[in-house]
Amino acid sequence: MRAGPVLVPASKLASFVKFGGLIGSRGLSKEVAKVDLWVKDLAPSTELRRWFHSDAGSWGEFQKRYRKELSANREVATDLRKQLGRKKTTFLFAVKDSRHNHAILLKAFLEKLP
């Protein structure tokens, strides 16, 4: 599993692409982005995203809050983890910051599941 920006051409991504958030903010449809699976239930809530992207949001607190949201959706996360198995997977994100985004946290959360 890896995380990568949605703006990377699909040909450069792993063969089986997953997405845990919104693409619309970058003006791309999931068809154009060549997304195999769009898992909206594991995306950060609108409230959490807005808070994080405001001046008030901190990365440390975002991690804590998003992990809490993921834990509340553990069944969906576990199902996704089983579906992924050992397939090459890229979690796409639409923000410019490649080190501070939900895709990295989602990847880490799923990797810890059985």
PDB file of N, CA and C in Angstrom:
ATOM      1  N   MET A   1       0.836  -1.181   0.000  1.00  0.00           N
ATOM      2  CA  MET A   1       0.000   0.000   0.000  1.00  0.00           C
ATOM      3  C   MET A   1       0.880   1.243   0.000  1.00  0.00           C
ATOM      4  N   ARG A   2       0.384   2.265  -0.682  1.00  0.00           N
ATOM      5  CA  ARG A   2       1.074   3.537  -0.678  1.00  0.00           C
ATOM      6  C   ARG A   2       0.054   4.650  -0.821  1.00  0.00           C
ATOM      7  N   ALA A   3       0.471   5.874  -0.598  1.00  0.00           N
ATOM      8  CA  ALA A   3      -0.374   7.049  -0.786  1.00  0.00           C
ATOM      9  C   ALA A   3       0.243   7.891  -1.880  1.00  0.00           C
ATOM     10  N   GLY A   4      -0.603   8.492  -2.713  1.00  0.00           N
ATOM     11  CA  GLY A   4      -0.105   9.318  -3.796  1.00  0.00           C
ATOM     12  C   GLY A   4      -1.114  10.384  -4.172  1.00  0.00           C
ATOM     13  N   PRO A   5      -0.643  11.495  -4.735  1.00  0.00           N
ATOM     14  CA  PRO A   5      -1.549  12.580  -5.114  1.00  0.00           C
ATOM     15  C   PRO A   5      -2.430  12.184  -6.289  1.00  0.00           C
ATOM     16  N   VAL A   6      -3.658  12.665  -6.300  1.00  0.00           N
ATOM     17  CA  VAL A   6      -4.588  12.349  -7.367  1.00  0.00           C
ATOM     18  C   VAL A   6      -4.130  12.934  -8.699  1.00  0.00           C
ATOM     19  N   LEU A   7      -3.229  13.889  -8.667  1.00  0.00           N
ATOM     20  CA  LEU A   7      -2.766  14.526  -9.896  1.00  0.00           C
ATOM     21  C   LEU A   7      -1.703  13.716 -10.623  1.00  0.00           C
ATOM     22  N   VAL A   8      -1.218  12.621 -10.033  1.00  0.00           N
ATOM     23  CA  VAL A   8      -0.262  11.744 -10.711  1.00  0.00           C
ATOM     24  C   VAL A   8      -1.000  10.994 -11.802  1.00  0.00           C
ATOM     25  N   PRO A   9      -0.453  10.919 -13.026  1.00  0.00           N
ATOM     26  CA  PRO A   9      -1.134  10.172 -14.083  1.00  0.00           C
ATOM     27  C   PRO A   9      -1.403   8.731 -13.653  1.00  0.00           C
ATOM     28  N   ALA A  10      -2.582   8.222 -13.997  1.00  0.00           N
ATOM     29  CA  ALA A  10      -2.985   6.883 -13.570  1.00  0.00           C
ATOM     30  C   ALA A  10      -1.978   5.818 -13.993  1.00  0.00           C
ATOM     31  N   SER A  11      -1.304   6.013 -15.101  1.00  0.00           N
ATOM     32  CA  SER A  11      -0.343   5.019 -15.564  1.00  0.00           C
ATOM     33  C   SER A  11       0.840   4.864 -14.617  1.00  0.00           C
ATOM     34  N   LYS A  12       1.082   5.847 -13.765  1.00  0.00           N
ATOM     35  CA  LYS A  12       2.210   5.784 -12.840  1.00  0.00           C
ATOM     36  C   LYS A  12       1.811   5.236 -11.469  1.00  0.00           C
ATOM     37  N   LEU A  13       0.511   4.956 -11.280  1.00  0.00           N
ATOM     38  CA  LEU A  13       0.025   4.450 -10.008  1.00  0.00           C
ATOM     39  C   LEU A  13       0.016   2.934 -10.016  1.00  0.00           C
ATOM     40  N   ALA A  14      -0.159   2.358  -8.846  1.00  0.00           N
ATOM     41  CA  ALA A  14      -0.286   0.914  -8.735  1.00  0.00           C
ATOM     42  C   ALA A  14      -1.497   0.457  -9.534  1.00  0.00           C
ATOM     43  N   SER A  15      -1.534  -0.812  -9.846  1.00  0.00           N
ATOM     44  CA  SER A  15      -2.580  -1.333 -10.709  1.00  0.00           C
ATOM     45  C   SER A  15      -3.956  -1.341 -10.061  1.00  0.00           C
ATOM     46  N   PHE A  16      -4.027  -1.293  -8.764  1.00  0.00           N
ATOM     47  CA  PHE A  16      -5.309  -1.346  -8.062  1.00  0.00           C
ATOM     48  C   PHE A  16      -5.398  -0.132  -7.157  1.00  0.00           C
ATOM     49  N   VAL A  17      -6.161   0.860  -7.535  1.00  0.00           N
ATOM     50  CA  VAL A  17      -6.166   2.149  -6.851  1.00  0.00           C
ATOM     51  C   VAL A  17      -7.380   2.266  -5.935  1.00  0.00           C
ATOM     52  N   LYS A  18      -7.155   2.762  -4.745  1.00  0.00           N
ATOM     53  CA  LYS A  18      -8.230   2.994  -3.783  1.00  0.00           C
ATOM     54  C   LYS A  18      -8.252   4.464  -3.420  1.00  0.00           C
ATOM     55  N   PHE A  19      -9.371   4.930  -2.991  1.00  0.00           N
ATOM     56  CA  PHE A  19      -9.478   6.327  -2.604  1.00  0.00           C
ATOM     57  C   PHE A  19     -10.352   6.449  -1.387  1.00  0.00           C
ATOM     58  N   GLY A  20      -9.908   7.184  -0.397  1.00  0.00           N
ATOM     59  CA  GLY A  20     -10.668   7.319   0.829  1.00  0.00           C
ATOM     60  C   GLY A  20     -11.213   8.699   1.070  1.00  0.00           C
ATOM     61  N   GLY A  21     -11.274   9.553   0.066  1.00  0.00           N
ATOM     62  CA  GLY A  21     -11.744  10.906   0.306  1.00  0.00           C
ATOM     63  C   GLY A  21     -12.357  11.535  -0.921  1.00  0.00           C
ATOM     64  N   LEU A  22     -12.243  12.834  -1.014  1.00  0.00           N
ATOM     65  CA  LEU A  22     -12.879  13.591  -2.078  1.00  0.00           C
ATOM     66  C   LEU A  22     -11.909  13.899  -3.212  1.00  0.00           C
ATOM     67  N   ILE A  23     -12.403  13.810  -4.423  1.00  0.00           N
ATOM     68  CA  ILE A  23     -11.617  14.227  -5.583  1.00  0.00           C
ATOM     69  C   ILE A  23     -12.196  15.523  -6.140  1.00  0.00           C
ATOM     70  N   GLY A  24     -13.471  15.742  -5.940  1.00  0.00           N
ATOM     71  CA  GLY A  24     -14.159  16.884  -6.514  1.00  0.00           C
ATOM     72  C   GLY A  24     -13.484  18.217  -6.268  1.00  0.00           C
ATOM     73  N   SER A  25     -12.761  18.336  -5.169  1.00  0.00           N
ATOM     74  CA  SER A  25     -12.099  19.601  -4.865  1.00  0.00           C
ATOM     75  C   SER A  25     -11.021  19.933  -5.892  1.00  0.00           C
ATOM     76  N   ARG A  26     -10.552  18.959  -6.617  1.00  0.00           N
ATOM     77  CA  ARG A  26      -9.550  19.194  -7.667  1.00  0.00           C
ATOM     78  C   ARG A  26     -10.203  19.141  -9.048  1.00  0.00           C
ATOM     79  N   GLY A  27     -11.530  19.065  -9.089  1.00  0.00           N
ATOM     80  CA  GLY A  27     -12.238  19.114 -10.355  1.00  0.00           C
ATOM     81  C   GLY A  27     -12.146  17.839 -11.171  1.00  0.00           C
ATOM     82  N   LEU A  28     -11.837  16.723 -10.545  1.00  0.00           N
ATOM     83  CA  LEU A  28     -11.730  15.454 -11.254  1.00  0.00           C
ATOM     84  C   LEU A  28     -12.855  14.518 -10.847  1.00  0.00           C
ATOM     85  N   SER A  29     -13.385  13.790 -11.813  1.00  0.00           N
ATOM     86  CA  SER A  29     -14.343  12.746 -11.482  1.00  0.00           C
ATOM     87  C   SER A  29     -13.559  11.472 -11.209  1.00  0.00           C
ATOM     88  N   LYS A  30     -14.204  10.487 -10.569  1.00  0.00           N
ATOM     89  CA  LYS A  30     -13.489   9.242 -10.299  1.00  0.00           C
ATOM     90  C   LYS A  30     -13.177   8.500 -11.593  1.00  0.00           C
ATOM     91  N   GLU A  31     -13.963   8.729 -12.647  1.00  0.00           N
ATOM     92  CA  GLU A  31     -13.675   8.101 -13.934  1.00  0.00           C
ATOM     93  C   GLU A  31     -12.405   8.684 -14.552  1.00  0.00           C
ATOM     94  N   VAL A  32     -12.274  10.000 -14.505  1.00  0.00           N
ATOM     95  CA  VAL A  32     -11.091  10.661 -15.070  1.00  0.00           C
ATOM     96  C   VAL A  32      -9.846  10.273 -14.275  1.00  0.00           C
ATOM     97  N   ALA A  33      -9.988  10.178 -12.956  1.00  0.00           N
ATOM     98  CA  ALA A  33      -8.857   9.828 -12.102  1.00  0.00           C
ATOM     99  C   ALA A  33      -8.549   8.332 -12.140  1.00  0.00           C
ATOM    100  N   LYS A  34      -9.405   7.555 -12.797  1.00  0.00           N
ATOM    101  CA  LYS A  34      -9.238   6.103 -12.930  1.00  0.00           C
ATOM    102  C   LYS A  34      -9.185   5.413 -11.556  1.00  0.00           C
ATOM    103  N   VAL A  35     -10.170   5.756 -10.732  1.00  0.00           N
ATOM    104  CA  VAL A  35     -10.272   5.192  -9.397  1.00  0.00           C
ATOM    105  C   VAL A  35     -11.070   3.897  -9.469  1.00  0.00           C
ATOM    106  N   ASP A  36     -10.519   2.823  -8.910  1.00  0.00           N
ATOM    107  CA  ASP A  36     -11.205   1.542  -8.891  1.00  0.00           C
ATOM    108  C   ASP A  36     -12.279   1.474  -7.819  1.00  0.00           C
ATOM    109  N   LEU A  37     -12.024   2.096  -6.695  1.00  0.00           N
ATOM    110  CA  LEU A  37     -12.944   2.022  -5.568  1.00  0.00           C
ATOM    111  C   LEU A  37     -12.947   3.345  -4.822  1.00  0.00           C
ATOM    112  N   TRP A  38     -14.111   3.853  -4.527  1.00  0.00           N
ATOM    113  CA  TRP A  38     -14.251   5.127  -3.840  1.00  0.00           C
ATOM    114  C   TRP A  38     -14.908   4.832  -2.500  1.00  0.00           C
ATOM    115  N   VAL A  39     -14.149   4.889  -1.423  1.00  0.00           N
ATOM    116  CA  VAL A  39     -14.633   4.503  -0.098  1.00  0.00           C
ATOM    117  C   VAL A  39     -14.911   5.765   0.726  1.00  0.00           C
ATOM    118  N   LYS A  40     -16.068   6.334   0.512  1.00  0.00           N
ATOM    119  CA  LYS A  40     -16.425   7.593   1.171  1.00  0.00           C
ATOM    120  C   LYS A  40     -16.599   7.427   2.679  1.00  0.00           C
ATOM    121  N   ASP A  41     -16.998   6.237   3.121  1.00  0.00           N
ATOM    122  CA  ASP A  41     -17.234   6.024   4.554  1.00  0.00           C
ATOM    123  C   ASP A  41     -15.955   6.125   5.385  1.00  0.00           C
ATOM    124  N   LEU A  42     -14.800   6.017   4.744  1.00  0.00           N
ATOM    125  CA  LEU A  42     -13.539   6.104   5.476  1.00  0.00           C
ATOM    126  C   LEU A  42     -12.835   7.439   5.278  1.00  0.00           C
ATOM    127  N   ALA A  43     -13.477   8.330   4.571  1.00  0.00           N
ATOM    128  CA  ALA A  43     -12.924   9.674   4.397  1.00  0.00           C
ATOM    129  C   ALA A  43     -13.148  10.489   5.671  1.00  0.00           C
ATOM    130  N   PRO A  44     -12.302  11.473   5.935  1.00  0.00           N
ATOM    131  CA  PRO A  44     -12.554  12.352   7.081  1.00  0.00           C
ATOM    132  C   PRO A  44     -13.907  13.046   6.900  1.00  0.00           C
ATOM    133  N   SER A  45     -14.593  13.278   7.991  1.00  0.00           N
ATOM    134  CA  SER A  45     -15.875  13.978   7.921  1.00  0.00           C
ATOM    135  C   SER A  45     -15.657  15.384   7.360  1.00  0.00           C
ATOM    136  N   THR A  46     -16.710  15.937   6.796  1.00  0.00           N
ATOM    137  CA  THR A  46     -16.640  17.299   6.272  1.00  0.00           C
ATOM    138  C   THR A  46     -16.230  18.263   7.374  1.00  0.00           C
ATOM    139  N   GLU A  47     -16.799  18.073   8.549  1.00  0.00           N
ATOM    140  CA  GLU A  47     -16.473  18.932   9.692  1.00  0.00           C
ATOM    141  C   GLU A  47     -14.979  18.861  10.026  1.00  0.00           C
ATOM    142  N   LEU A  48     -14.414  17.651  10.049  1.00  0.00           N
ATOM    143  CA  LEU A  48     -13.000  17.488  10.370  1.00  0.00           C
ATOM    144  C   LEU A  48     -12.117  18.096   9.291  1.00  0.00           C
ATOM    145  N   ARG A  49     -12.445  17.880   8.022  1.00  0.00           N
ATOM    146  CA  ARG A  49     -11.656  18.456   6.927  1.00  0.00           C
ATOM    147  C   ARG A  49     -11.652  19.975   6.990  1.00  0.00           C
ATOM    148  N   ARG A  50     -12.825  20.543   7.202  1.00  0.00           N
ATOM    149  CA  ARG A  50     -12.916  22.011   7.260  1.00  0.00           C
ATOM    150  C   ARG A  50     -12.116  22.570   8.426  1.00  0.00           C
ATOM    151  N   TRP A  51     -12.212  21.899   9.566  1.00  0.00           N
ATOM    152  CA  TRP A  51     -11.444  22.334  10.733  1.00  0.00           C
ATOM    153  C   TRP A  51      -9.946  22.263  10.444  1.00  0.00           C
ATOM    154  N   PHE A  52      -9.485  21.152   9.873  1.00  0.00           N
ATOM    155  CA  PHE A  52      -8.055  20.966   9.603  1.00  0.00           C
ATOM    156  C   PHE A  52      -7.518  21.997   8.624  1.00  0.00           C
ATOM    157  N   HIS A  53      -8.307  22.322   7.610  1.00  0.00           N
ATOM    158  CA  HIS A  53      -7.833  23.268   6.599  1.00  0.00           C
ATOM    159  C   HIS A  53      -8.047  24.722   6.994  1.00  0.00           C
ATOM    160  N   SER A  54      -8.642  24.937   8.152  1.00  0.00           N
ATOM    161  CA  SER A  54      -8.756  26.300   8.673  1.00  0.00           C
ATOM    162  C   SER A  54      -7.457  26.625   9.408  1.00  0.00           C
ATOM    163  N   ASP A  55      -7.316  27.817   9.847  1.00  0.00           N
ATOM    164  CA  ASP A  55      -6.118  28.211  10.584  1.00  0.00           C
ATOM    165  C   ASP A  55      -6.031  27.524  11.942  1.00  0.00           C
ATOM    166  N   ALA A  56      -7.165  27.017  12.437  1.00  0.00           N
ATOM    167  CA  ALA A  56      -7.194  26.411  13.771  1.00  0.00           C
ATOM    168  C   ALA A  56      -6.643  24.984  13.791  1.00  0.00           C
ATOM    169  N   GLY A  57      -6.685  24.298  12.650  1.00  0.00           N
ATOM    170  CA  GLY A  57      -6.337  22.887  12.604  1.00  0.00           C
ATOM    171  C   GLY A  57      -4.857  22.594  12.753  1.00  0.00           C
ATOM    172  N   SER A  58      -4.529  21.610  13.588  1.00  0.00           N
ATOM    173  CA  SER A  58      -3.135  21.165  13.722  1.00  0.00           C
ATOM    174  C   SER A  58      -3.046  19.710  13.271  1.00  0.00           C
ATOM    175  N   TRP A  59      -1.898  19.324  12.743  1.00  0.00           N
ATOM    176  CA  TRP A  59      -1.704  17.969  12.245  1.00  0.00           C
ATOM    177  C   TRP A  59      -1.875  16.938  13.363  1.00  0.00           C
ATOM    178  N   GLY A  60      -1.303  17.191  14.509  1.00  0.00           N
ATOM    179  CA  GLY A  60      -1.399  16.249  15.621  1.00  0.00           C
ATOM    180  C   GLY A  60      -2.834  16.010  16.051  1.00  0.00           C
ATOM    181  N   GLU A  61      -3.598  17.058  16.161  1.00  0.00           N
ATOM    182  CA  GLU A  61      -5.000  16.925  16.566  1.00  0.00           C
ATOM    183  C   GLU A  61      -5.828  16.284  15.457  1.00  0.00           C
ATOM    184  N   PHE A  62      -5.514  16.604  14.195  1.00  0.00           N
ATOM    185  CA  PHE A  62      -6.213  15.972  13.072  1.00  0.00           C
ATOM    186  C   PHE A  62      -6.008  14.461  13.117  1.00  0.00           C
ATOM    187  N   GLN A  63      -4.772  14.027  13.341  1.00  0.00           N
ATOM    188  CA  GLN A  63      -4.492  12.594  13.414  1.00  0.00           C
ATOM    189  C   GLN A  63      -5.359  11.925  14.483  1.00  0.00           C
ATOM    190  N   LYS A  64      -5.406  12.532  15.642  1.00  0.00           N
ATOM    191  CA  LYS A  64      -6.186  11.988  16.760  1.00  0.00           C
ATOM    192  C   LYS A  64      -7.672  11.886  16.394  1.00  0.00           C
ATOM    193  N   ARG A  65      -8.222  12.960  15.849  1.00  0.00           N
ATOM    194  CA  ARG A  65      -9.646  12.990  15.514  1.00  0.00           C
ATOM    195  C   ARG A  65      -9.982  12.032  14.366  1.00  0.00           C
ATOM    196  N   TYR A  66      -9.118  11.974  13.359  1.00  0.00           N
ATOM    197  CA  TYR A  66      -9.390  11.099  12.215  1.00  0.00           C
ATOM    198  C   TYR A  66      -9.276   9.627  12.618  1.00  0.00           C
ATOM    199  N   ARG A  67      -8.311   9.286  13.441  1.00  0.00           N
ATOM    200  CA  ARG A  67      -8.216   7.900  13.927  1.00  0.00           C
ATOM    201  C   ARG A  67      -9.466   7.510  14.714  1.00  0.00           C
ATOM    202  N   LYS A  68     -10.021   8.462  15.446  1.00  0.00           N
ATOM    203  CA  LYS A  68     -11.257   8.200  16.187  1.00  0.00           C
ATOM    204  C   LYS A  68     -12.399   7.925  15.212  1.00  0.00           C
ATOM    205  N   GLU A  69     -12.464   8.699  14.128  1.00  0.00           N
ATOM    206  CA  GLU A  69     -13.486   8.460  13.107  1.00  0.00           C
ATOM    207  C   GLU A  69     -13.290   7.098  12.444  1.00  0.00           C
ATOM    208  N   LEU A  70     -12.041   6.753  12.136  1.00  0.00           N
ATOM    209  CA  LEU A  70     -11.760   5.453  11.523  1.00  0.00           C
ATOM    210  C   LEU A  70     -12.141   4.317  12.466  1.00  0.00           C
ATOM    211  N   SER A  71     -11.846   4.471  13.738  1.00  0.00           N
ATOM    212  CA  SER A  71     -12.196   3.442  14.724  1.00  0.00           C
ATOM    213  C   SER A  71     -13.708   3.254  14.800  1.00  0.00           C
ATOM    214  N   ALA A  72     -14.455   4.328  14.631  1.00  0.00           N
ATOM    215  CA  ALA A  72     -15.917   4.244  14.641  1.00  0.00           C
ATOM    216  C   ALA A  72     -16.437   3.503  13.411  1.00  0.00           C
ATOM    217  N   ASN A  73     -15.620   3.431  12.357  1.00  0.00           N
ATOM    218  CA  ASN A  73     -15.983   2.716  11.121  1.00  0.00           C
ATOM    219  C   ASN A  73     -15.101   1.481  10.926  1.00  0.00           C
ATOM    220  N   ARG A  74     -14.715   0.862  12.012  1.00  0.00           N
ATOM    221  CA  ARG A  74     -13.789  -0.275  11.961  1.00  0.00           C
ATOM    222  C   ARG A  74     -14.303  -1.408  11.056  1.00  0.00           C
ATOM    223  N   GLU A  75     -15.607  -1.648  11.063  1.00  0.00           N
ATOM    224  CA  GLU A  75     -16.149  -2.728  10.242  1.00  0.00           C
ATOM    225  C   GLU A  75     -15.917  -2.465   8.753  1.00  0.00           C
ATOM    226  N   VAL A  76     -16.156  -1.218   8.317  1.00  0.00           N
ATOM    227  CA  VAL A  76     -15.914  -0.844   6.919  1.00  0.00           C
ATOM    228  C   VAL A  76     -14.424  -0.962   6.611  1.00  0.00           C
ATOM    229  N   ALA A  77     -13.582  -0.500   7.540  1.00  0.00           N
ATOM    230  CA  ALA A  77     -12.129  -0.569   7.350  1.00  0.00           C
ATOM    231  C   ALA A  77     -11.661  -2.024   7.259  1.00  0.00           C
ATOM    232  N   THR A  78     -12.178  -2.873   8.113  1.00  0.00           N
ATOM    233  CA  THR A  78     -11.795  -4.285   8.106  1.00  0.00           C
ATOM    234  C   THR A  78     -12.223  -4.946   6.796  1.00  0.00           C
ATOM    235  N   ASP A  79     -13.423  -4.631   6.339  1.00  0.00           N
ATOM    236  CA  ASP A  79     -13.893  -5.179   5.058  1.00  0.00           C
ATOM    237  C   ASP A  79     -12.996  -4.733   3.913  1.00  0.00           C
ATOM    238  N   LEU A  80     -12.607  -3.460   3.915  1.00  0.00           N
ATOM    239  CA  LEU A  80     -11.720  -2.947   2.872  1.00  0.00           C
ATOM    240  C   LEU A  80     -10.371  -3.649   2.936  1.00  0.00           C
ATOM    241  N   ARG A  81      -9.847  -3.809   4.132  1.00  0.00           N
ATOM    242  CA  ARG A  81      -8.542  -4.471   4.294  1.00  0.00           C
ATOM    243  C   ARG A  81      -8.580  -5.888   3.729  1.00  0.00           C
ATOM    244  N   LYS A  82      -9.655  -6.603   4.000  1.00  0.00           N
ATOM    245  CA  LYS A  82      -9.803  -7.965   3.464  1.00  0.00           C
ATOM    246  C   LYS A  82      -9.901  -7.940   1.948  1.00  0.00           C
ATOM    247  N   GLN A  83     -10.635  -6.981   1.414  1.00  0.00           N
ATOM    248  CA  GLN A  83     -10.794  -6.864  -0.031  1.00  0.00           C
ATOM    249  C   GLN A  83      -9.460  -6.545  -0.716  1.00  0.00           C
ATOM    250  N   LEU A  84      -8.657  -5.714  -0.070  1.00  0.00           N
ATOM    251  CA  LEU A  84      -7.367  -5.344  -0.650  1.00  0.00           C
ATOM    252  C   LEU A  84      -6.392  -6.507  -0.646  1.00  0.00           C
ATOM    253  N   GLY A  85      -6.401  -7.269   0.436  1.00  0.00           N
ATOM    254  CA  GLY A  85      -5.450  -8.371   0.541  1.00  0.00           C
ATOM    255  C   GLY A  85      -4.034  -7.880   0.310  1.00  0.00           C
ATOM    256  N   ARG A  86      -3.362  -8.494  -0.644  1.00  0.00           N
ATOM    257  CA  ARG A  86      -1.973  -8.119  -0.953  1.00  0.00           C
ATOM    258  C   ARG A  86      -1.869  -7.403  -2.297  1.00  0.00           C
ATOM    259  N   LYS A  87      -3.001  -6.897  -2.806  1.00  0.00           N
ATOM    260  CA  LYS A  87      -2.996  -6.182  -4.086  1.00  0.00           C
ATOM    261  C   LYS A  87      -2.226  -4.872  -3.961  1.00  0.00           C
ATOM    262  N   LYS A  88      -1.569  -4.493  -5.037  1.00  0.00           N
ATOM    263  CA  LYS A  88      -0.920  -3.180  -5.069  1.00  0.00           C
ATOM    264  C   LYS A  88      -2.011  -2.129  -4.974  1.00  0.00           C
ATOM    265  N   THR A  89      -1.853  -1.219  -4.040  1.00  0.00           N
ATOM    266  CA  THR A  89      -2.896  -0.244  -3.757  1.00  0.00           C
ATOM    267  C   THR A  89      -2.298   1.135  -3.559  1.00  0.00           C
ATOM    268  N   THR A  90      -2.943   2.127  -4.134  1.00  0.00           N
ATOM    269  CA  THR A  90      -2.555   3.514  -3.908  1.00  0.00           C
ATOM    270  C   THR A  90      -3.763   4.255  -3.366  1.00  0.00           C
ATOM    271  N   PHE A  91      -3.603   4.896  -2.226  1.00  0.00           N
ATOM    272  CA  PHE A  91      -4.641   5.729  -1.650  1.00  0.00           C
ATOM    273  C   PHE A  91      -4.404   7.144  -2.144  1.00  0.00           C
ATOM    274  N   LEU A  92      -5.368   7.680  -2.875  1.00  0.00           N
ATOM    275  CA  LEU A  92      -5.200   8.993  -3.483  1.00  0.00           C
ATOM    276  C   LEU A  92      -5.638  10.103  -2.545  1.00  0.00           C
ATOM    277  N   PHE A  93      -4.961  11.233  -2.649  1.00  0.00           N
ATOM    278  CA  PHE A  93      -5.352  12.422  -1.899  1.00  0.00           C
ATOM    279  C   PHE A  93      -5.300  13.614  -2.832  1.00  0.00           C
ATOM    280  N   ALA A  94      -6.120  14.621  -2.534  1.00  0.00           N
ATOM    281  CA  ALA A  94      -6.239  15.772  -3.423  1.00  0.00           C
ATOM    282  C   ALA A  94      -5.634  17.043  -2.839  1.00  0.00           C
ATOM    283  N   VAL A  95      -4.900  16.923  -1.755  1.00  0.00           N
ATOM    284  CA  VAL A  95      -4.245  18.100  -1.173  1.00  0.00           C
ATOM    285  C   VAL A  95      -2.810  18.195  -1.655  1.00  0.00           C
ATOM    286  N   LYS A  96      -2.225  19.361  -1.548  1.00  0.00           N
ATOM    287  CA  LYS A  96      -0.865  19.570  -2.036  1.00  0.00           C
ATOM    288  C   LYS A  96       0.196  19.011  -1.097  1.00  0.00           C
ATOM    289  N   ASP A  97      -0.133  18.845   0.170  1.00  0.00           N
ATOM    290  CA  ASP A  97       0.830  18.387   1.176  1.00  0.00           C
ATOM    291  C   ASP A  97       0.892  16.862   1.178  1.00  0.00           C
ATOM    292  N   SER A  98       1.977  16.303   0.694  1.00  0.00           N
ATOM    293  CA  SER A  98       2.103  14.846   0.582  1.00  0.00           C
ATOM    294  C   SER A  98       2.484  14.165   1.896  1.00  0.00           C
ATOM    295  N   ARG A  99       2.787  14.941   2.938  1.00  0.00           N
ATOM    296  CA  ARG A  99       3.170  14.347   4.230  1.00  0.00           C
ATOM    297  C   ARG A  99       2.091  14.483   5.291  1.00  0.00           C
ATOM    298  N   HIS A 100       1.140  15.375   5.078  1.00  0.00           N
ATOM    299  CA  HIS A 100       0.099  15.637   6.073  1.00  0.00           C
ATOM    300  C   HIS A 100      -1.267  15.543   5.408  1.00  0.00           C
ATOM    301  N   ASN A 101      -1.768  14.323   5.243  1.00  0.00           N
ATOM    302  CA  ASN A 101      -3.072  14.126   4.626  1.00  0.00           C
ATOM    303  C   ASN A 101      -3.708  12.836   5.122  1.00  0.00           C
ATOM    304  N   HIS A 102      -5.004  12.724   4.882  1.00  0.00           N
ATOM    305  CA  HIS A 102      -5.748  11.578   5.409  1.00  0.00           C
ATOM    306  C   HIS A 102      -5.330  10.255   4.770  1.00  0.00           C
ATOM    307  N   ALA A 103      -4.856  10.272   3.535  1.00  0.00           N
ATOM    308  CA  ALA A 103      -4.500   9.022   2.851  1.00  0.00           C
ATOM    309  C   ALA A 103      -3.377   8.295   3.594  1.00  0.00           C
ATOM    310  N   ILE A 104      -2.431   9.029   4.113  1.00  0.00           N
ATOM    311  CA  ILE A 104      -1.325   8.429   4.859  1.00  0.00           C
ATOM    312  C   ILE A 104      -1.840   7.797   6.149  1.00  0.00           C
ATOM    313  N   LEU A 105      -2.761   8.482   6.809  1.00  0.00           N
ATOM    314  CA  LEU A 105      -3.320   7.950   8.055  1.00  0.00           C
ATOM    315  C   LEU A 105      -4.212   6.739   7.782  1.00  0.00           C
ATOM    316  N   LEU A 106      -4.994   6.790   6.709  1.00  0.00           N
ATOM    317  CA  LEU A 106      -5.849   5.658   6.347  1.00  0.00           C
ATOM    318  C   LEU A 106      -5.001   4.432   6.027  1.00  0.00           C
ATOM    319  N   LYS A 107      -3.946   4.623   5.267  1.00  0.00           N
ATOM    320  CA  LYS A 107      -3.034   3.526   4.920  1.00  0.00           C
ATOM    321  C   LYS A 107      -2.466   2.890   6.188  1.00  0.00           C
ATOM    322  N   ALA A 108      -1.970   3.704   7.101  1.00  0.00           N
ATOM    323  CA  ALA A 108      -1.381   3.192   8.342  1.00  0.00           C
ATOM    324  C   ALA A 108      -2.432   2.468   9.182  1.00  0.00           C
ATOM    325  N   PHE A 109      -3.632   3.001   9.247  1.00  0.00           N
ATOM    326  CA  PHE A 109      -4.709   2.379  10.015  1.00  0.00           C
ATOM    327  C   PHE A 109      -5.032   0.998   9.448  1.00  0.00           C
ATOM    328  N   LEU A 110      -5.173   0.912   8.127  1.00  0.00           N
ATOM    329  CA  LEU A 110      -5.509  -0.367   7.488  1.00  0.00           C
ATOM    330  C   LEU A 110      -4.386  -1.388   7.631  1.00  0.00           C
ATOM    331  N   GLU A 111      -3.153  -0.936   7.577  1.00  0.00           N
ATOM    332  CA  GLU A 111      -2.023  -1.861   7.698  1.00  0.00           C
ATOM    333  C   GLU A 111      -1.962  -2.516   9.069  1.00  0.00           C
ATOM    334  N   LYS A 112      -2.544  -1.891  10.075  1.00  0.00           N
ATOM    335  CA  LYS A 112      -2.539  -2.465  11.430  1.00  0.00           C
ATOM    336  C   LYS A 112      -3.678  -3.454  11.656  1.00  0.00           C
ATOM    337  N   LEU A 113      -4.640  -3.470  10.733  1.00  0.00           N
ATOM    338  CA  LEU A 113      -5.762  -4.396  10.870  1.00  0.00           C
ATOM    339  C   LEU A 113      -5.341  -5.800  10.432  1.00  0.00           C
ATOM    340  N   PRO A 114      -5.981  -6.808  11.037  1.00  0.00           N
ATOM    341  CA  PRO A 114      -5.652  -8.199  10.643  1.00  0.00           C
ATOM    342  C   PRO A 114      -6.116  -8.520   9.230  1.00  0.00           C
TER     343      PRO A 114
END
